[in-house]
Amino acid sequence: MRHHSSSIERDIELPRLLGALSDPTRLGIVRVLSDGRERGWGQLCAPVAKSTLSHHLKVLREAGVTQTREEGTRCFVTLRRDLIDSRFPGLLSALLSATIADNVGDHVSERDAV
């Protein structure tokens, strides 16, 4: 029997979450966002094409890992850490520790805010 603690958490399914977090660039994005601060898409810097970065952000959003807020023509993204932590306690912390220890996602950084 499947149990969901809330309808908001329902969109965060473990296989999809793990799939979204299986890519080094997406893990790097999560590392940048892990401090809880909202970032404009333009602040995220990775050695990939803009369209590829946009794809990675879409995968994270659709898996429920991040939330995107639009303001005019700009988009801002935040990590949905509280929801993920309540649904899968300890998972993000363990993944973030491992990515830092293994230097996974180091190629993703943050540009200074414009």
PDB file of N, CA and C in Angstrom:
ATOM      1  N   MET A   1       0.840  -1.184   0.000  1.00  0.00           N
ATOM      2  CA  MET A   1       0.000   0.000   0.000  1.00  0.00           C
ATOM      3  C   MET A   1       0.880   1.241   0.000  1.00  0.00           C
ATOM      4  N   ARG A   2       0.584   2.160  -0.898  1.00  0.00           N
ATOM      5  CA  ARG A   2       1.344   3.403  -0.993  1.00  0.00           C
ATOM      6  C   ARG A   2       0.763   4.428  -0.049  1.00  0.00           C
ATOM      7  N   HIS A   3       1.644   5.150   0.631  1.00  0.00           N
ATOM      8  CA  HIS A   3       1.186   6.169   1.564  1.00  0.00           C
ATOM      9  C   HIS A   3       1.860   7.483   1.211  1.00  0.00           C
ATOM     10  N   HIS A   4       1.060   8.517   1.102  1.00  0.00           N
ATOM     11  CA  HIS A   4       1.587   9.855   0.846  1.00  0.00           C
ATOM     12  C   HIS A   4       1.146  10.747   1.990  1.00  0.00           C
ATOM     13  N   SER A   5       2.098  11.478   2.567  1.00  0.00           N
ATOM     14  CA  SER A   5       1.740  12.304   3.702  1.00  0.00           C
ATOM     15  C   SER A   5       1.035  13.588   3.297  1.00  0.00           C
ATOM     16  N   SER A   6       1.202  14.036   2.063  1.00  0.00           N
ATOM     17  CA  SER A   6       0.440  15.192   1.605  1.00  0.00           C
ATOM     18  C   SER A   6       0.415  15.218   0.093  1.00  0.00           C
ATOM     19  N   SER A   7      -0.550  15.941  -0.461  1.00  0.00           N
ATOM     20  CA  SER A   7      -0.652  16.012  -1.914  1.00  0.00           C
ATOM     21  C   SER A   7       0.515  16.788  -2.505  1.00  0.00           C
ATOM     22  N   ILE A   8       1.096  17.721  -1.763  1.00  0.00           N
ATOM     23  CA  ILE A   8       2.243  18.480  -2.266  1.00  0.00           C
ATOM     24  C   ILE A   8       3.443  17.556  -2.435  1.00  0.00           C
ATOM     25  N   GLU A   9       3.629  16.644  -1.505  1.00  0.00           N
ATOM     26  CA  GLU A   9       4.766  15.730  -1.578  1.00  0.00           C
ATOM     27  C   GLU A   9       4.556  14.626  -2.611  1.00  0.00           C
ATOM     28  N   ARG A  10       3.332  14.431  -3.050  1.00  0.00           N
ATOM     29  CA  ARG A  10       3.016  13.342  -3.955  1.00  0.00           C
ATOM     30  C   ARG A  10       3.832  13.383  -5.247  1.00  0.00           C
ATOM     31  N   ASP A  11       4.214  14.596  -5.683  1.00  0.00           N
ATOM     32  CA  ASP A  11       4.960  14.694  -6.932  1.00  0.00           C
ATOM     33  C   ASP A  11       6.443  14.363  -6.756  1.00  0.00           C
ATOM     34  N   ILE A  12       6.862  14.067  -5.541  1.00  0.00           N
ATOM     35  CA  ILE A  12       8.253  13.682  -5.312  1.00  0.00           C
ATOM     36  C   ILE A  12       8.295  12.170  -5.106  1.00  0.00           C
ATOM     37  N   GLU A  13       8.533  11.445  -6.200  1.00  0.00           N
ATOM     38  CA  GLU A  13       8.611   9.983  -6.148  1.00  0.00           C
ATOM     39  C   GLU A  13      10.071   9.577  -6.181  1.00  0.00           C
ATOM     40  N   LEU A  14      10.424   8.582  -5.397  1.00  0.00           N
ATOM     41  CA  LEU A  14      11.822   8.187  -5.241  1.00  0.00           C
ATOM     42  C   LEU A  14      12.528   7.855  -6.554  1.00  0.00           C
ATOM     43  N   PRO A  15      11.970   7.013  -7.438  1.00  0.00           N
ATOM     44  CA  PRO A  15      12.694   6.722  -8.682  1.00  0.00           C
ATOM     45  C   PRO A  15      12.972   7.975  -9.523  1.00  0.00           C
ATOM     46  N   ARG A  16      11.984   8.855  -9.592  1.00  0.00           N
ATOM     47  CA  ARG A  16      12.161  10.086 -10.374  1.00  0.00           C
ATOM     48  C   ARG A  16      13.176  11.012  -9.718  1.00  0.00           C
ATOM     49  N   LEU A  17      13.121  11.109  -8.392  1.00  0.00           N
ATOM     50  CA  LEU A  17      14.070  11.930  -7.638  1.00  0.00           C
ATOM     51  C   LEU A  17      15.497  11.430  -7.862  1.00  0.00           C
ATOM     52  N   LEU A  18      15.679  10.115  -7.732  1.00  0.00           N
ATOM     53  CA  LEU A  18      17.017   9.545  -7.916  1.00  0.00           C
ATOM     54  C   LEU A  18      17.488   9.706  -9.353  1.00  0.00           C
ATOM     55  N   GLY A  19      16.583   9.588 -10.318  1.00  0.00           N
ATOM     56  CA  GLY A  19      16.941   9.812 -11.720  1.00  0.00           C
ATOM     57  C   GLY A  19      17.415  11.235 -11.945  1.00  0.00           C
ATOM     58  N   ALA A  20      16.689  12.190 -11.359  1.00  0.00           N
ATOM     59  CA  ALA A  20      17.056  13.593 -11.512  1.00  0.00           C
ATOM     60  C   ALA A  20      18.412  13.877 -10.875  1.00  0.00           C
ATOM     61  N   LEU A  21      18.718  13.166  -9.802  1.00  0.00           N
ATOM     62  CA  LEU A  21      19.972  13.403  -9.082  1.00  0.00           C
ATOM     63  C   LEU A  21      21.112  12.502  -9.571  1.00  0.00           C
ATOM     64  N   SER A  22      20.895  11.801 -10.689  1.00  0.00           N
ATOM     65  CA  SER A  22      21.919  10.874 -11.182  1.00  0.00           C
ATOM     66  C   SER A  22      22.918  11.542 -12.123  1.00  0.00           C
ATOM     67  N   ASP A  23      22.757  12.822 -12.376  1.00  0.00           N
ATOM     68  CA  ASP A  23      23.626  13.530 -13.314  1.00  0.00           C
ATOM     69  C   ASP A  23      24.545  14.492 -12.559  1.00  0.00           C
ATOM     70  N   PRO A  24      25.852  14.505 -12.866  1.00  0.00           N
ATOM     71  CA  PRO A  24      26.790  15.384 -12.158  1.00  0.00           C
ATOM     72  C   PRO A  24      26.436  16.871 -12.256  1.00  0.00           C
ATOM     73  N   THR A  25      25.923  17.320 -13.396  1.00  0.00           N
ATOM     74  CA  THR A  25      25.549  18.739 -13.520  1.00  0.00           C
ATOM     75  C   THR A  25      24.360  19.057 -12.633  1.00  0.00           C
ATOM     76  N   ARG A  26      23.381  18.166 -12.613  1.00  0.00           N
ATOM     77  CA  ARG A  26      22.216  18.409 -11.750  1.00  0.00           C
ATOM     78  C   ARG A  26      22.610  18.351 -10.280  1.00  0.00           C
ATOM     79  N   LEU A  27      23.513  17.454  -9.923  1.00  0.00           N
ATOM     80  CA  LEU A  27      24.005  17.429  -8.536  1.00  0.00           C
ATOM     81  C   LEU A  27      24.731  18.731  -8.209  1.00  0.00           C
ATOM     82  N   GLY A  28      25.459  19.264  -9.174  1.00  0.00           N
ATOM     83  CA  GLY A  28      26.146  20.536  -8.965  1.00  0.00           C
ATOM     84  C   GLY A  28      25.152  21.673  -8.742  1.00  0.00           C
ATOM     85  N   ILE A  29      24.063  21.670  -9.494  1.00  0.00           N
ATOM     86  CA  ILE A  29      23.022  22.684  -9.312  1.00  0.00           C
ATOM     87  C   ILE A  29      22.438  22.567  -7.904  1.00  0.00           C
ATOM     88  N   VAL A  30      22.163  21.344  -7.485  1.00  0.00           N
ATOM     89  CA  VAL A  30      21.619  21.121  -6.137  1.00  0.00           C
ATOM     90  C   VAL A  30      22.621  21.602  -5.086  1.00  0.00           C
ATOM     91  N   ARG A  31      23.919  21.357  -5.318  1.00  0.00           N
ATOM     92  CA  ARG A  31      24.935  21.852  -4.376  1.00  0.00           C
ATOM     93  C   ARG A  31      24.890  23.367  -4.260  1.00  0.00           C
ATOM     94  N   VAL A  32      24.796  24.055  -5.392  1.00  0.00           N
ATOM     95  CA  VAL A  32      24.741  25.522  -5.373  1.00  0.00           C
ATOM     96  C   VAL A  32      23.498  25.995  -4.610  1.00  0.00           C
ATOM     97  N   LEU A  33      22.381  25.309  -4.825  1.00  0.00           N
ATOM     98  CA  LEU A  33      21.119  25.721  -4.201  1.00  0.00           C
ATOM     99  C   LEU A  33      20.957  25.228  -2.757  1.00  0.00           C
ATOM    100  N   SER A  34      21.872  24.400  -2.296  1.00  0.00           N
ATOM    101  CA  SER A  34      21.682  23.730  -0.996  1.00  0.00           C
ATOM    102  C   SER A  34      21.713  24.674   0.201  1.00  0.00           C
ATOM    103  N   ASP A  35      22.159  25.913   0.004  1.00  0.00           N
ATOM    104  CA  ASP A  35      22.153  26.861   1.125  1.00  0.00           C
ATOM    105  C   ASP A  35      20.775  27.466   1.356  1.00  0.00           C
ATOM    106  N   GLY A  36      19.811  27.086   0.482  1.00  0.00           N
ATOM    107  CA  GLY A  36      18.442  27.542   0.669  1.00  0.00           C
ATOM    108  C   GLY A  36      18.106  28.865   0.003  1.00  0.00           C
ATOM    109  N   ARG A  37      19.098  29.542  -0.553  1.00  0.00           N
ATOM    110  CA  ARG A  37      18.843  30.824  -1.209  1.00  0.00           C
ATOM    111  C   ARG A  37      18.304  30.620  -2.622  1.00  0.00           C
ATOM    112  N   GLU A  38      17.422  31.508  -3.021  1.00  0.00           N
ATOM    113  CA  GLU A  38      16.882  31.504  -4.377  1.00  0.00           C
ATOM    114  C   GLU A  38      17.927  32.083  -5.332  1.00  0.00           C
ATOM    115  N   ARG A  39      18.043  31.471  -6.517  1.00  0.00           N
ATOM    116  CA  ARG A  39      18.981  31.963  -7.529  1.00  0.00           C
ATOM    117  C   ARG A  39      18.234  32.231  -8.828  1.00  0.00           C
ATOM    118  N   GLY A  40      18.635  33.290  -9.525  1.00  0.00           N
ATOM    119  CA  GLY A  40      18.155  33.503 -10.877  1.00  0.00           C
ATOM    120  C   GLY A  40      18.848  32.494 -11.775  1.00  0.00           C
ATOM    121  N   TRP A  41      18.153  32.027 -12.819  1.00  0.00           N
ATOM    122  CA  TRP A  41      18.767  31.044 -13.716  1.00  0.00           C
ATOM    123  C   TRP A  41      20.091  31.548 -14.253  1.00  0.00           C
ATOM    124  N   GLY A  42      20.184  32.844 -14.524  1.00  0.00           N
ATOM    125  CA  GLY A  42      21.405  33.429 -15.055  1.00  0.00           C
ATOM    126  C   GLY A  42      22.571  33.414 -14.084  1.00  0.00           C
ATOM    127  N   GLN A  43      22.287  33.183 -12.802  1.00  0.00           N
ATOM    128  CA  GLN A  43      23.350  33.103 -11.804  1.00  0.00           C
ATOM    129  C   GLN A  43      24.031  31.735 -11.782  1.00  0.00           C
ATOM    130  N   LEU A  44      23.377  30.735 -12.362  1.00  0.00           N
ATOM    131  CA  LEU A  44      23.942  29.390 -12.383  1.00  0.00           C
ATOM    132  C   LEU A  44      24.910  29.280 -13.557  1.00  0.00           C
ATOM    133  N   CYS A  45      26.101  28.838 -13.268  1.00  0.00           N
ATOM    134  CA  CYS A  45      27.152  28.778 -14.276  1.00  0.00           C
ATOM    135  C   CYS A  45      27.675  27.346 -14.384  1.00  0.00           C
ATOM    136  N   ALA A  46      27.558  26.771 -15.580  1.00  0.00           N
ATOM    137  CA  ALA A  46      28.053  25.417 -15.829  1.00  0.00           C
ATOM    138  C   ALA A  46      28.621  25.386 -17.244  1.00  0.00           C
ATOM    139  N   PRO A  47      29.652  24.562 -17.481  1.00  0.00           N
ATOM    140  CA  PRO A  47      30.267  24.493 -18.810  1.00  0.00           C
ATOM    141  C   PRO A  47      29.426  23.677 -19.795  1.00  0.00           C
ATOM    142  N   VAL A  48      28.166  24.074 -19.948  1.00  0.00           N
ATOM    143  CA  VAL A  48      27.246  23.426 -20.891  1.00  0.00           C
ATOM    144  C   VAL A  48      26.490  24.526 -21.628  1.00  0.00           C
ATOM    145  N   ALA A  49      25.881  24.178 -22.746  1.00  0.00           N
ATOM    146  CA  ALA A  49      25.076  25.136 -23.499  1.00  0.00           C
ATOM    147  C   ALA A  49      23.904  25.611 -22.646  1.00  0.00           C
ATOM    148  N   LYS A  50      23.451  26.820 -22.908  1.00  0.00           N
ATOM    149  CA  LYS A  50      22.315  27.374 -22.168  1.00  0.00           C
ATOM    150  C   LYS A  50      21.104  26.443 -22.246  1.00  0.00           C
ATOM    151  N   SER A  51      20.888  25.864 -23.444  1.00  0.00           N
ATOM    152  CA  SER A  51      19.746  24.958 -23.614  1.00  0.00           C
ATOM    153  C   SER A  51      19.912  23.695 -22.770  1.00  0.00           C
ATOM    154  N   THR A  52      21.143  23.232 -22.608  1.00  0.00           N
ATOM    155  CA  THR A  52      21.412  22.048 -21.783  1.00  0.00           C
ATOM    156  C   THR A  52      21.174  22.370 -20.307  1.00  0.00           C
ATOM    157  N   LEU A  53      21.627  23.527 -19.877  1.00  0.00           N
ATOM    158  CA  LEU A  53      21.395  23.943 -18.496  1.00  0.00           C
ATOM    159  C   LEU A  53      19.893  24.064 -18.242  1.00  0.00           C
ATOM    160  N   SER A  54      19.174  24.616 -19.197  1.00  0.00           N
ATOM    161  CA  SER A  54      17.726  24.746 -19.087  1.00  0.00           C
ATOM    162  C   SER A  54      17.071  23.365 -18.963  1.00  0.00           C
ATOM    163  N   HIS A  55      17.567  22.399 -19.736  1.00  0.00           N
ATOM    164  CA  HIS A  55      17.054  21.024 -19.658  1.00  0.00           C
ATOM    165  C   HIS A  55      17.288  20.450 -18.257  1.00  0.00           C
ATOM    166  N   HIS A  56      18.494  20.634 -17.714  1.00  0.00           N
ATOM    167  CA  HIS A  56      18.799  20.120 -16.372  1.00  0.00           C
ATOM    168  C   HIS A  56      17.866  20.750 -15.333  1.00  0.00           C
ATOM    169  N   LEU A  57      17.620  22.039 -15.445  1.00  0.00           N
ATOM    170  CA  LEU A  57      16.718  22.712 -14.510  1.00  0.00           C
ATOM    171  C   LEU A  57      15.294  22.172 -14.643  1.00  0.00           C
ATOM    172  N   LYS A  58      14.877  21.863 -15.868  1.00  0.00           N
ATOM    173  CA  LYS A  58      13.540  21.301 -16.097  1.00  0.00           C
ATOM    174  C   LYS A  58      13.419  19.914 -15.468  1.00  0.00           C
ATOM    175  N   VAL A  59      14.445  19.080 -15.615  1.00  0.00           N
ATOM    176  CA  VAL A  59      14.425  17.738 -15.023  1.00  0.00           C
ATOM    177  C   VAL A  59      14.301  17.841 -13.500  1.00  0.00           C
ATOM    178  N   LEU A  60      15.081  18.731 -12.891  1.00  0.00           N
ATOM    179  CA  LEU A  60      15.016  18.912 -11.440  1.00  0.00           C
ATOM    180  C   LEU A  60      13.637  19.410 -11.007  1.00  0.00           C
ATOM    181  N   ARG A  61      13.085  20.357 -11.747  1.00  0.00           N
ATOM    182  CA  ARG A  61      11.766  20.904 -11.411  1.00  0.00           C
ATOM    183  C   ARG A  61      10.685  19.836 -11.542  1.00  0.00           C
ATOM    184  N   GLU A  62      10.705  19.085 -12.652  1.00  0.00           N
ATOM    185  CA  GLU A  62       9.673  18.073 -12.879  1.00  0.00           C
ATOM    186  C   GLU A  62       9.748  16.915 -11.887  1.00  0.00           C
ATOM    187  N   ALA A  63      10.925  16.672 -11.336  1.00  0.00           N
ATOM    188  CA  ALA A  63      11.078  15.611 -10.335  1.00  0.00           C
ATOM    189  C   ALA A  63      10.708  16.099  -8.941  1.00  0.00           C
ATOM    190  N   GLY A  64      10.434  17.405  -8.801  1.00  0.00           N
ATOM    191  CA  GLY A  64      10.065  17.956  -7.507  1.00  0.00           C
ATOM    192  C   GLY A  64      11.250  18.387  -6.671  1.00  0.00           C
ATOM    193  N   VAL A  65      12.450  18.366  -7.246  1.00  0.00           N
ATOM    194  CA  VAL A  65      13.659  18.724  -6.504  1.00  0.00           C
ATOM    195  C   VAL A  65      13.747  20.233  -6.303  1.00  0.00           C
ATOM    196  N   THR A  66      13.347  20.987  -7.331  1.00  0.00           N
ATOM    197  CA  THR A  66      13.411  22.444  -7.249  1.00  0.00           C
ATOM    198  C   THR A  66      12.048  23.042  -7.552  1.00  0.00           C
ATOM    199  N   GLN A  67      11.936  24.312  -7.234  1.00  0.00           N
ATOM    200  CA  GLN A  67      10.730  25.073  -7.541  1.00  0.00           C
ATOM    201  C   GLN A  67      11.182  26.309  -8.298  1.00  0.00           C
ATOM    202  N   THR A  68      10.462  26.650  -9.356  1.00  0.00           N
ATOM    203  CA  THR A  68      10.805  27.808 -10.171  1.00  0.00           C
ATOM    204  C   THR A  68       9.729  28.884 -10.013  1.00  0.00           C
ATOM    205  N   ARG A  69      10.203  30.097  -9.866  1.00  0.00           N
ATOM    206  CA  ARG A  69       9.300  31.247  -9.748  1.00  0.00           C
ATOM    207  C   ARG A  69       9.635  32.213 -10.877  1.00  0.00           C
ATOM    208  N   GLU A  70       8.609  32.634 -11.595  1.00  0.00           N
ATOM    209  CA  GLU A  70       8.817  33.584 -12.688  1.00  0.00           C
ATOM    210  C   GLU A  70       8.475  34.984 -12.206  1.00  0.00           C
ATOM    211  N   GLU A  71       9.302  35.926 -12.619  1.00  0.00           N
ATOM    212  CA  GLU A  71       9.069  37.334 -12.301  1.00  0.00           C
ATOM    213  C   GLU A  71       9.379  38.117 -13.566  1.00  0.00           C
ATOM    214  N   GLY A  72       8.342  38.509 -14.267  1.00  0.00           N
ATOM    215  CA  GLY A  72       8.549  39.146 -15.568  1.00  0.00           C
ATOM    216  C   GLY A  72       9.184  38.143 -16.518  1.00  0.00           C
ATOM    217  N   THR A  73      10.313  38.517 -17.084  1.00  0.00           N
ATOM    218  CA  THR A  73      11.008  37.615 -18.014  1.00  0.00           C
ATOM    219  C   THR A  73      12.066  36.779 -17.315  1.00  0.00           C
ATOM    220  N   ARG A  74      12.234  36.968 -16.010  1.00  0.00           N
ATOM    221  CA  ARG A  74      13.274  36.244 -15.284  1.00  0.00           C
ATOM    222  C   ARG A  74      12.687  35.062 -14.521  1.00  0.00           C
ATOM    223  N   CYS A  75      13.509  34.027 -14.372  1.00  0.00           N
ATOM    224  CA  CYS A  75      13.109  32.840 -13.608  1.00  0.00           C
ATOM    225  C   CYS A  75      14.068  32.656 -12.448  1.00  0.00           C
ATOM    226  N   PHE A  76      13.509  32.291 -11.308  1.00  0.00           N
ATOM    227  CA  PHE A  76      14.294  32.065 -10.106  1.00  0.00           C
ATOM    228  C   PHE A  76      14.031  30.641  -9.626  1.00  0.00           C
ATOM    229  N   VAL A  77      15.061  30.012  -9.100  1.00  0.00           N
ATOM    230  CA  VAL A  77      14.938  28.613  -8.703  1.00  0.00           C
ATOM    231  C   VAL A  77      15.400  28.435  -7.255  1.00  0.00           C
ATOM    232  N   THR A  78      14.688  27.574  -6.532  1.00  0.00           N
ATOM    233  CA  THR A  78      15.066  27.217  -5.166  1.00  0.00           C
ATOM    234  C   THR A  78      14.986  25.703  -5.008  1.00  0.00           C
ATOM    235  N   LEU A  79      15.783  25.193  -4.095  1.00  0.00           N
ATOM    236  CA  LEU A  79      15.762  23.773  -3.754  1.00  0.00           C
ATOM    237  C   LEU A  79      14.609  23.527  -2.792  1.00  0.00           C
ATOM    238  N   ARG A  80      13.823  22.497  -3.045  1.00  0.00           N
ATOM    239  CA  ARG A  80      12.683  22.166  -2.181  1.00  0.00           C
ATOM    240  C   ARG A  80      13.153  21.246  -1.055  1.00  0.00           C
ATOM    241  N   ARG A  81      14.140  21.695  -0.334  1.00  0.00           N
ATOM    242  CA  ARG A  81      14.802  20.853   0.668  1.00  0.00           C
ATOM    243  C   ARG A  81      13.864  20.390   1.779  1.00  0.00           C
ATOM    244  N   ASP A  82      13.046  21.292   2.291  1.00  0.00           N
ATOM    245  CA  ASP A  82      12.147  20.910   3.387  1.00  0.00           C
ATOM    246  C   ASP A  82      11.214  19.773   2.975  1.00  0.00           C
ATOM    247  N   LEU A  83      10.654  19.876   1.767  1.00  0.00           N
ATOM    248  CA  LEU A  83       9.756  18.822   1.289  1.00  0.00           C
ATOM    249  C   LEU A  83      10.498  17.507   1.080  1.00  0.00           C
ATOM    250  N   ILE A  84      11.680  17.583   0.464  1.00  0.00           N
ATOM    251  CA  ILE A  84      12.460  16.361   0.220  1.00  0.00           C
ATOM    252  C   ILE A  84      12.884  15.744   1.543  1.00  0.00           C
ATOM    253  N   ASP A  85      13.337  16.583   2.480  1.00  0.00           N
ATOM    254  CA  ASP A  85      13.759  16.071   3.792  1.00  0.00           C
ATOM    255  C   ASP A  85      12.603  15.441   4.565  1.00  0.00           C
ATOM    256  N   SER A  86      11.402  15.991   4.418  1.00  0.00           N
ATOM    257  CA  SER A  86      10.271  15.400   5.146  1.00  0.00           C
ATOM    258  C   SER A  86       9.845  14.081   4.503  1.00  0.00           C
ATOM    259  N   ARG A  87       9.979  13.977   3.192  1.00  0.00           N
ATOM    260  CA  ARG A  87       9.588  12.749   2.478  1.00  0.00           C
ATOM    261  C   ARG A  87      10.660  11.667   2.560  1.00  0.00           C
ATOM    262  N   PHE A  88      11.930  12.079   2.440  1.00  0.00           N
ATOM    263  CA  PHE A  88      13.067  11.146   2.456  1.00  0.00           C
ATOM    264  C   PHE A  88      14.129  11.665   3.425  1.00  0.00           C
ATOM    265  N   PRO A  89      13.894  11.524   4.729  1.00  0.00           N
ATOM    266  CA  PRO A  89      14.801  12.096   5.726  1.00  0.00           C
ATOM    267  C   PRO A  89      16.251  11.637   5.533  1.00  0.00           C
ATOM    268  N   GLY A  90      17.159  12.610   5.514  1.00  0.00           N
ATOM    269  CA  GLY A  90      18.584  12.310   5.429  1.00  0.00           C
ATOM    270  C   GLY A  90      19.126  12.103   4.024  1.00  0.00           C
ATOM    271  N   LEU A  91      18.247  11.909   3.040  1.00  0.00           N
ATOM    272  CA  LEU A  91      18.712  11.606   1.683  1.00  0.00           C
ATOM    273  C   LEU A  91      19.550  12.734   1.092  1.00  0.00           C
ATOM    274  N   LEU A  92      19.028  13.956   1.114  1.00  0.00           N
ATOM    275  CA  LEU A  92      19.773  15.077   0.528  1.00  0.00           C
ATOM    276  C   LEU A  92      21.078  15.338   1.257  1.00  0.00           C
ATOM    277  N   SER A  93      21.043  15.287   2.562  1.00  0.00           N
ATOM    278  CA  SER A  93      22.270  15.516   3.338  1.00  0.00           C
ATOM    279  C   SER A  93      23.341  14.497   2.973  1.00  0.00           C
ATOM    280  N   ALA A  94      22.946  13.232   2.857  1.00  0.00           N
ATOM    281  CA  ALA A  94      23.900  12.182   2.499  1.00  0.00           C
ATOM    282  C   ALA A  94      24.443  12.396   1.085  1.00  0.00           C
ATOM    283  N   LEU A  95      23.555  12.728   0.144  1.00  0.00           N
ATOM    284  CA  LEU A  95      23.984  12.973  -1.232  1.00  0.00           C
ATOM    285  C   LEU A  95      24.920  14.170  -1.315  1.00  0.00           C
ATOM    286  N   LEU A  96      24.579  15.247  -0.625  1.00  0.00           N
ATOM    287  CA  LEU A  96      25.425  16.435  -0.655  1.00  0.00           C
ATOM    288  C   LEU A  96      26.790  16.158  -0.049  1.00  0.00           C
ATOM    289  N   SER A  97      26.824  15.431   1.047  1.00  0.00           N
ATOM    290  CA  SER A  97      28.114  15.063   1.657  1.00  0.00           C
ATOM    291  C   SER A  97      28.965  14.253   0.689  1.00  0.00           C
ATOM    292  N   ALA A  98      28.333  13.304   0.001  1.00  0.00           N
ATOM    293  CA  ALA A  98      29.055  12.457  -0.948  1.00  0.00           C
ATOM    294  C   ALA A  98      29.544  13.261  -2.153  1.00  0.00           C
ATOM    295  N   THR A  99      28.723  14.179  -2.652  1.00  0.00           N
ATOM    296  CA  THR A  99      29.151  14.972  -3.805  1.00  0.00           C
ATOM    297  C   THR A  99      30.342  15.854  -3.453  1.00  0.00           C
ATOM    298  N   ILE A 100      30.336  16.396  -2.253  1.00  0.00           N
ATOM    299  CA  ILE A 100      31.456  17.235  -1.812  1.00  0.00           C
ATOM    300  C   ILE A 100      32.706  16.380  -1.631  1.00  0.00           C
ATOM    301  N   ALA A 101      32.563  15.232  -0.976  1.00  0.00           N
ATOM    302  CA  ALA A 101      33.718  14.347  -0.736  1.00  0.00           C
ATOM    303  C   ALA A 101      34.331  13.849  -2.040  1.00  0.00           C
ATOM    304  N   ASP A 102      33.481  13.583  -3.039  1.00  0.00           N
ATOM    305  CA  ASP A 102      33.958  13.030  -4.316  1.00  0.00           C
ATOM    306  C   ASP A 102      34.128  14.091  -5.402  1.00  0.00           C
ATOM    307  N   ASN A 103      33.964  15.366  -5.039  1.00  0.00           N
ATOM    308  CA  ASN A 103      34.083  16.477  -5.998  1.00  0.00           C
ATOM    309  C   ASN A 103      33.128  16.344  -7.189  1.00  0.00           C
ATOM    310  N   VAL A 104      31.948  15.806  -6.951  1.00  0.00           N
ATOM    311  CA  VAL A 104      30.940  15.686  -8.005  1.00  0.00           C
ATOM    312  C   VAL A 104      30.170  17.007  -8.078  1.00  0.00           C
ATOM    313  N   GLY A 105      30.049  17.544  -9.279  1.00  0.00           N
ATOM    314  CA  GLY A 105      29.308  18.786  -9.454  1.00  0.00           C
ATOM    315  C   GLY A 105      30.124  20.037  -9.244  1.00  0.00           C
ATOM    316  N   ASP A 106      31.445  19.877  -9.049  1.00  0.00           N
ATOM    317  CA  ASP A 106      32.317  21.040  -8.841  1.00  0.00           C
ATOM    318  C   ASP A 106      32.318  21.990 -10.033  1.00  0.00           C
ATOM    319  N   HIS A 107      31.945  21.486 -11.194  1.00  0.00           N
ATOM    320  CA  HIS A 107      31.973  22.311 -12.408  1.00  0.00           C
ATOM    321  C   HIS A 107      30.802  23.297 -12.484  1.00  0.00           C
ATOM    322  N   VAL A 108      29.871  23.194 -11.556  1.00  0.00           N
ATOM    323  CA  VAL A 108      28.745  24.128 -11.507  1.00  0.00           C
ATOM    324  C   VAL A 108      29.033  25.139 -10.403  1.00  0.00           C
ATOM    325  N   SER A 109      28.851  26.410 -10.739  1.00  0.00           N
ATOM    326  CA  SER A 109      29.103  27.451  -9.753  1.00  0.00           C
ATOM    327  C   SER A 109      28.032  28.528  -9.864  1.00  0.00           C
ATOM    328  N   GLU A 110      28.255  29.591  -9.125  1.00  0.00           N
ATOM    329  CA  GLU A 110      27.296  30.690  -9.112  1.00  0.00           C
ATOM    330  C   GLU A 110      27.983  31.954  -9.591  1.00  0.00           C
ATOM    331  N   ARG A 111      27.319  32.627 -10.522  1.00  0.00           N
ATOM    332  CA  ARG A 111      27.780  33.945 -10.945  1.00  0.00           C
ATOM    333  C   ARG A 111      27.286  34.946  -9.924  1.00  0.00           C
ATOM    334  N   ASP A 112      27.964  36.057  -9.816  1.00  0.00           N
ATOM    335  CA  ASP A 112      27.486  37.124  -8.946  1.00  0.00           C
ATOM    336  C   ASP A 112      26.154  37.633  -9.465  1.00  0.00           C
ATOM    337  N   ALA A 113      25.278  37.987  -8.553  1.00  0.00           N
ATOM    338  CA  ALA A 113      23.962  38.504  -8.929  1.00  0.00           C
ATOM    339  C   ALA A 113      24.136  39.790  -9.738  1.00  0.00           C
ATOM    340  N   VAL A 114      23.264  39.939 -10.726  1.00  0.00           N
ATOM    341  CA  VAL A 114      23.349  41.114 -11.603  1.00  0.00           C
ATOM    342  C   VAL A 114      22.580  42.258 -11.010  1.00  0.00           C
TER     343      VAL A 114
END
